[in-house]
N, C-alpha and C. Protein backbone atom coordinates (compact mmCIF):
# COMPACT_ATOMS: atom_id res chain seq x y z
N MET A 1 111.45 109.40 117.84
CA MET A 1 112.54 107.66 117.92
C MET A 1 112.91 107.87 116.13
N LYS A 2 113.79 107.33 116.18
CA LYS A 2 115.06 107.54 115.46
C LYS A 2 115.65 105.69 115.02
N THR A 3 114.83 106.06 113.92
CA THR A 3 115.14 104.07 113.90
C THR A 3 116.37 104.15 111.70
N THR A 4 117.20 102.93 112.68
CA THR A 4 118.91 103.37 111.59
C THR A 4 118.76 102.25 110.93
N LEU A 5 119.01 101.40 109.92
CA LEU A 5 119.42 100.85 108.39
C LEU A 5 120.13 99.05 109.44
N GLY A 6 120.26 99.80 110.71
CA GLY A 6 121.18 98.84 111.02
C GLY A 6 120.12 97.98 112.44
N ASP A 7 119.04 99.34 112.52
CA ASP A 7 118.60 98.09 113.73
C ASP A 7 117.13 97.43 112.05
N LEU A 8 116.75 97.98 111.23
CA LEU A 8 116.13 97.23 110.16
C LEU A 8 116.69 95.70 110.43
N ASN A 9 118.24 96.32 110.19
CA ASN A 9 118.95 94.60 109.82
C ASN A 9 118.80 93.01 110.93
N THR A 10 118.62 93.95 112.49
CA THR A 10 118.50 93.65 113.54
C THR A 10 116.23 92.73 113.32
N HIS A 11 116.12 94.23 112.86
CA HIS A 11 114.82 93.45 112.93
C HIS A 11 114.37 92.20 111.51
N LEU A 12 114.51 92.17 111.15
CA LEU A 12 115.24 90.90 110.14
C LEU A 12 115.92 89.98 109.99
N PHE A 13 117.13 89.74 110.97
CA PHE A 13 117.91 88.36 111.51
C PHE A 13 116.86 88.54 112.11
N ALA A 14 116.08 89.01 113.72
CA ALA A 14 115.32 88.26 114.69
C ALA A 14 113.86 87.99 113.95
N GLN A 15 113.59 88.25 112.34
CA GLN A 15 112.17 87.57 112.19
C GLN A 15 113.00 86.46 112.11
N LEU A 16 113.95 86.28 111.27
CA LEU A 16 114.87 85.00 110.04
C LEU A 16 114.30 83.61 111.51
N GLU A 17 114.98 84.03 112.63
CA GLU A 17 114.95 83.27 114.06
C GLU A 17 113.36 82.98 113.56
N ARG A 18 112.38 83.49 114.53
CA ARG A 18 111.22 83.46 114.35
C ARG A 18 110.99 82.42 114.04
N LEU A 19 110.96 82.09 111.98
CA LEU A 19 111.16 81.29 111.44
C LEU A 19 111.49 80.32 111.36
N ASN A 20 112.99 79.96 111.42
CA ASN A 20 113.69 79.16 112.02
C ASN A 20 113.65 77.95 113.49
N ASP A 21 112.45 79.06 114.06
CA ASP A 21 112.20 77.53 115.10
C ASP A 21 111.16 76.76 114.89
N GLU A 22 111.76 75.44 114.77
CA GLU A 22 111.29 74.55 114.74
C GLU A 22 110.47 74.56 115.53
N GLU A 23 110.08 74.94 116.76
CA GLU A 23 108.87 74.15 117.68
C GLU A 23 107.41 75.39 117.04
N ILE A 24 107.81 76.49 116.22
CA ILE A 24 106.16 77.17 115.56
C ILE A 24 105.82 76.07 114.63
N THR A 25 104.68 75.85 115.31
CA THR A 25 103.79 75.34 114.11
C THR A 25 102.32 75.59 113.91
N GLY A 26 101.35 74.95 112.70
CA GLY A 26 99.79 75.46 112.76
C GLY A 26 100.05 76.39 112.62
N ASP A 27 98.93 78.05 113.45
CA ASP A 27 98.40 78.65 113.00
C ASP A 27 99.54 79.74 113.49
N LYS A 28 100.44 79.30 114.15
CA LYS A 28 101.67 79.65 114.96
C LYS A 28 101.99 80.65 113.86
N LEU A 29 102.83 79.28 113.33
CA LEU A 29 103.59 79.77 111.80
C LEU A 29 103.18 80.45 111.15
N ILE A 30 102.37 79.84 110.53
CA ILE A 30 101.08 80.38 109.54
C ILE A 30 100.90 82.61 109.55
N GLU A 31 101.20 82.46 110.93
CA GLU A 31 101.15 83.99 111.54
C GLU A 31 102.64 84.24 111.62
N GLU A 32 103.98 83.73 111.31
CA GLU A 32 104.77 84.82 110.99
C GLU A 32 105.54 84.42 110.39
N ILE A 33 105.17 83.95 109.36
CA ILE A 33 105.36 83.60 107.97
C ILE A 33 104.55 85.34 107.30
N ASN A 34 103.36 85.79 107.89
CA ASN A 34 102.79 86.49 107.39
C ASN A 34 103.52 87.78 107.81
N ARG A 35 103.49 87.96 109.27
CA ARG A 35 104.51 88.88 109.81
C ARG A 35 106.27 88.89 108.43
N ALA A 36 106.42 88.27 108.15
CA ALA A 36 108.30 88.06 107.63
C ALA A 36 107.09 89.15 106.36
N LYS A 37 106.38 88.06 106.23
CA LYS A 37 105.66 89.16 104.11
C LYS A 37 106.17 90.60 104.62
N SER A 38 105.30 90.75 105.34
CA SER A 38 104.83 92.38 105.59
C SER A 38 105.83 93.47 106.03
N ILE A 39 107.14 92.38 106.88
CA ILE A 39 108.32 92.98 107.48
C ILE A 39 108.97 92.97 106.38
N THR A 40 109.37 91.84 105.08
CA THR A 40 110.13 92.29 104.03
C THR A 40 109.94 92.84 102.81
N SER A 41 108.59 93.51 103.08
CA SER A 41 107.90 94.64 102.35
C SER A 41 108.23 95.87 102.38
N VAL A 42 108.67 96.09 103.44
CA VAL A 42 108.63 97.15 104.37
C VAL A 42 110.28 97.81 104.69
N ALA A 43 110.92 96.71 104.20
CA ALA A 43 112.71 96.55 104.73
C ALA A 43 112.70 97.00 103.41
N HIS A 44 111.96 96.06 102.42
CA HIS A 44 112.11 96.43 100.72
C HIS A 44 112.49 98.05 100.79
N GLN A 45 111.11 98.44 101.15
CA GLN A 45 110.96 99.97 100.62
C GLN A 45 111.75 100.63 101.09
N ILE A 46 112.64 100.56 102.63
CA ILE A 46 112.98 101.34 103.33
C ILE A 46 114.25 101.56 102.54
N ILE A 47 114.91 100.45 101.94
CA ILE A 47 116.11 100.21 101.18
C ILE A 47 116.15 100.90 99.86
N ALA A 48 115.05 100.50 99.19
CA ALA A 48 115.07 101.53 97.98
C ALA A 48 115.68 103.24 98.27
N ALA A 49 114.22 103.52 98.99
CA ALA A 49 113.74 104.65 99.50
C ALA A 49 115.60 105.42 99.61
N GLY A 50 116.66 104.45 100.83
CA GLY A 50 118.13 104.93 101.29
C GLY A 50 118.80 104.48 99.60
N SER A 51 118.86 104.14 99.51
CA SER A 51 119.13 103.51 97.55
C SER A 51 119.26 105.23 97.01
N LEU A 52 117.60 105.55 96.70
CA LEU A 52 117.67 107.36 95.48
C LEU A 52 118.16 107.97 96.25
N VAL A 53 118.07 108.33 97.84
CA VAL A 53 118.64 109.19 98.08
C VAL A 53 120.11 109.28 98.20
N LEU A 54 121.45 108.44 97.93
CA LEU A 54 123.01 107.81 97.88
C LEU A 54 123.06 108.64 96.43
N LYS A 55 121.73 107.77 95.49
CA LYS A 55 122.34 108.26 94.53
C LYS A 55 121.96 109.79 94.47
N ALA A 56 121.12 110.53 94.57
CA ALA A 56 120.91 111.59 94.66
C ALA A 56 121.83 112.15 94.97
N LYS A 57 122.44 111.78 96.36
CA LYS A 57 123.39 112.34 96.81
C LYS A 57 125.34 112.75 96.27
N GLN A 58 124.93 111.31 95.66
CA GLN A 58 126.39 110.93 94.65
C GLN A 58 126.62 111.82 93.14
N LEU A 59 124.89 112.30 92.63
CA LEU A 59 124.86 113.16 91.84
C LEU A 59 125.19 114.52 91.98
N ALA A 60 124.92 114.51 93.44
CA ALA A 60 125.11 115.99 93.71
C ALA A 60 126.30 116.90 93.79
N ASP A 61 127.28 115.55 94.66
CA ASP A 61 129.04 115.31 94.34
C ASP A 61 128.99 115.96 92.89
N ASP A 62 129.07 115.27 92.28
CA ASP A 62 129.37 115.44 91.40
C ASP A 62 128.55 116.71 89.79
N HIS A 63 127.64 117.37 90.91
CA HIS A 63 127.63 118.44 90.26
C HIS A 63 128.50 119.29 89.33
N MET A 64 128.74 119.82 90.04
CA MET A 64 129.69 120.40 89.95
C MET A 64 131.49 119.87 89.04
N ASN A 65 131.31 118.32 88.58
CA ASN A 65 132.24 118.38 87.68
C ASN A 65 131.79 117.87 86.14
N ALA A 66 131.70 118.93 85.11
CA ALA A 66 131.73 119.22 84.08
C ALA A 66 131.62 117.62 83.22
N ASP A 67 132.34 116.80 83.23
CA ASP A 67 132.21 115.16 83.21
C ASP A 67 131.66 114.86 83.03
N THR A 68 130.76 114.50 84.08
CA THR A 68 129.81 113.98 85.00
C THR A 68 128.66 113.37 84.00
N VAL A 69 128.42 112.02 84.11
CA VAL A 69 128.13 111.44 83.04
C VAL A 69 126.36 110.87 83.36
N VAL A 70 125.23 111.66 83.08
CA VAL A 70 124.20 111.50 84.05
C VAL A 70 123.73 109.64 83.44
N PRO A 71 123.14 108.84 84.89
CA PRO A 71 122.80 108.24 84.39
C PRO A 71 121.41 107.70 83.68
N LYS A 72 120.82 106.66 82.57
CA LYS A 72 120.62 106.79 81.31
C LYS A 72 119.01 107.27 81.95
N MET A 73 118.61 106.26 83.42
CA MET A 73 117.30 106.08 83.97
C MET A 73 117.57 107.86 84.38
N LEU A 74 118.02 108.18 84.45
CA LEU A 74 117.13 109.58 85.11
C LEU A 74 117.70 111.24 84.13
N GLU A 75 118.07 110.15 82.90
CA GLU A 75 117.81 111.51 81.72
C GLU A 75 116.51 111.90 81.47
N GLY A 76 116.33 113.36 80.62
CA GLY A 76 114.72 113.63 80.80
C GLY A 76 113.55 112.72 80.36
């Protein structure tokens, strides 16, 4: 199974639609809110991991440039 960031985007908007459904009330609404919190937590981790991969790729691409300034957060 290969899931993409586009799939994540689709899931997030689907969850938003479920939360926006005015017919959902009571326990069902609480269930959707809890589901949304879980999805948001996982989505945050996926985005953070993707951001780290992008930063590593950019740093590797700049590796050959002697004038590259290493971000302070990556310094020893």
